[in-house]
Protein backbone atom coordinates (compact mmCIF):
# COMPACT_ATOMS: atom_id res chain seq x y z
CA MET A 1 83.80 79.26 96.29
CA SER A 2 81.00 81.68 96.48
CA PRO A 3 78.11 81.73 94.91
CA PHE A 4 78.58 84.82 93.44
CA LYS A 5 81.84 84.31 92.45
CA GLY A 6 80.90 82.75 89.56
CA GLN A 7 80.94 85.31 86.44
CA THR A 8 83.92 85.61 84.39
CA GLY A 9 84.81 87.54 80.98
CA LEU A 10 83.02 90.45 80.08
CA LYS A 11 79.96 89.81 82.80
CA ARG A 12 81.97 89.88 85.17
CA ILE A 13 83.10 93.18 84.64
CA LEU A 14 79.55 94.82 83.98
CA ASN A 15 78.70 93.15 87.54
CA ALA A 16 81.38 94.62 88.98
CA THR A 17 80.96 97.96 87.53
CA GLY A 18 76.65 98.46 88.50
CA TYR A 19 78.01 96.94 91.78
CA SER A 20 80.63 100.08 91.82
CA LEU A 21 77.97 102.52 90.62
CA ALA A 22 75.27 101.47 93.21
CA GLY A 23 77.83 101.68 96.11
CA MET A 24 78.61 105.19 94.62
CA ARG A 25 75.06 106.04 94.56
CA ALA A 26 74.10 105.06 97.74
CA ALA A 27 77.33 106.95 99.18
CA PHE A 28 76.28 109.76 97.82
CA LEU A 29 71.98 109.19 98.59
CA GLY A 30 73.16 108.18 102.63
CA GLU A 31 75.88 109.80 103.79
CA ALA A 32 76.24 113.71 104.13
CA ALA A 33 80.33 113.82 104.07
CA PHE A 34 80.09 111.66 101.00
CA ARG A 35 78.34 114.24 99.08
CA GLN A 36 80.82 117.41 101.18
CA LEU A 37 84.13 115.56 99.10
CA VAL A 38 82.02 115.45 96.12
CA LEU A 39 81.43 119.20 96.19
CA LEU A 40 85.25 119.84 97.40
CA ASN A 41 85.78 117.83 94.88
CA ALA A 42 83.98 119.52 92.01
CA VAL A 43 85.29 122.82 92.94
CA LEU A 44 89.51 121.57 93.39
CA VAL A 45 89.23 119.19 90.30
CA PRO A 46 88.36 121.83 87.72
CA LEU A 47 90.56 124.59 89.80
CA SER A 48 93.62 122.67 89.74
CA PHE A 49 92.95 122.86 85.39
CA MET A 50 93.54 126.67 86.30
CA LEU A 51 96.20 126.96 88.06
CA HIS A 52 99.78 127.30 86.58
CA VAL A 53 101.49 124.22 87.96
CA SER A 54 103.42 121.22 86.30
CA ARG A 55 101.42 118.03 85.49
CA VAL A 56 102.82 116.47 87.86
CA GLU A 57 101.70 118.34 90.87
CA ARG A 58 98.52 118.81 88.77
CA ALA A 59 97.98 114.88 89.37
CA LEU A 60 99.12 114.97 92.58
CA LEU A 61 96.69 118.14 93.32
CA ILE A 62 93.57 115.67 91.72
CA ALA A 63 94.84 112.49 93.15
CA VAL A 64 94.82 113.54 96.86
CA CYS A 65 91.53 114.86 96.16
CA LEU A 66 90.22 111.31 94.87
CA LEU A 67 92.19 109.66 98.19
CA ALA A 68 89.69 110.98 99.85
CA LEU A 69 86.43 110.15 98.12
CA ILE A 70 88.25 106.27 98.39
CA VAL A 71 88.69 106.83 102.17
CA GLU A 72 84.83 108.35 103.07
CA LEU A 73 83.74 105.44 101.14
CA LEU A 74 85.88 102.92 102.47
CA ASN A 75 84.56 104.58 106.14
CA SER A 76 81.05 104.62 104.78
CA ALA A 77 81.75 100.52 104.14
CA VAL A 78 83.01 100.12 108.31
CA GLU A 79 80.23 102.11 109.68
CA ALA A 80 77.16 100.22 107.93
CA ALA A 81 79.14 96.86 108.78
CA ILE A 82 79.18 97.65 112.03
CA ASP A 83 75.75 98.95 112.06
CA ARG A 84 74.60 95.78 110.10
CA ILE A 85 76.71 93.73 113.03
CA SER A 86 74.24 95.99 116.24
CA LEU A 87 73.69 98.89 116.83
CA GLU A 88 74.20 98.69 120.38
CA LEU A 89 76.93 100.38 121.98
CA HIS A 90 80.37 98.26 121.79
CA PRO A 91 84.24 99.71 121.96
CA LEU A 92 84.99 97.50 119.35
CA SER A 93 82.39 99.04 117.45
CA LYS A 94 82.93 102.16 118.49
CA ASN A 95 87.01 102.03 117.92
CA ALA A 96 86.24 100.36 114.41
CA LYS A 97 84.65 104.42 113.77
CA ASP A 98 86.54 106.14 115.47
CA MET A 99 89.48 104.64 112.86
CA GLY A 100 87.34 105.64 110.05
CA SER A 101 86.64 109.09 110.88
CA ALA A 102 90.42 109.38 111.74
CA ALA A 103 91.22 107.69 108.27
CA GLN A 104 89.59 110.47 106.86
CA PHE A 105 90.77 113.58 109.08
CA VAL A 106 94.12 112.48 107.28
CA ALA A 107 92.69 112.40 103.79
CA LEU A 108 91.22 115.55 104.36
CA ALA A 109 94.50 116.88 106.09
CA MET A 110 96.49 115.39 103.44
CA ILE A 111 94.61 117.75 100.91
CA ALA A 112 95.00 120.83 102.78
CA LEU A 113 99.27 119.89 102.94
CA VAL A 114 99.52 118.84 99.30
CA TRP A 115 97.86 121.90 97.79
CA ALA A 116 99.36 124.39 100.75
CA VAL A 117 102.94 122.90 99.29
CA ILE A 118 102.23 123.05 95.95
CA LEU A 119 100.67 126.30 95.72
CA LEU A 120 102.93 128.24 98.64
C-alpha cells in the first residue's frame, strides 16, 4: 500500500479536493491551452443558457465543453509525466504526446459538431 493512501472519510475527501484544486491551478498557470479552453467555456456555457434549446440539448452543449477541459487536463498530465521521465527526444514520448494532442483535437471537434447539430 502507498503511504499516500492512508486517509479515509472526510479527511480523504478534503485532501483530494485540495489536490484537485492544485491541479487546476497548475494547469491554469502553466498551460496556455487550458486557459484558452477556460475562456471558451466562459463564453459557451453562459451562451447555452441564452439559447432556446431543451434541457437535454443544453446539457449536451455544456457537457462537451467540460469534456474538452477534462481532456486538456489529462493531456497536460501526460506531457508533464513524459517530460519528468526525460526531455530527450524519443519516439514513444512523441507518440504519447501526439496521442494526447489527438484526443484534444477530437474533443474540440466534438464541441463544434454538437453545437452545430443542435443549433443548425
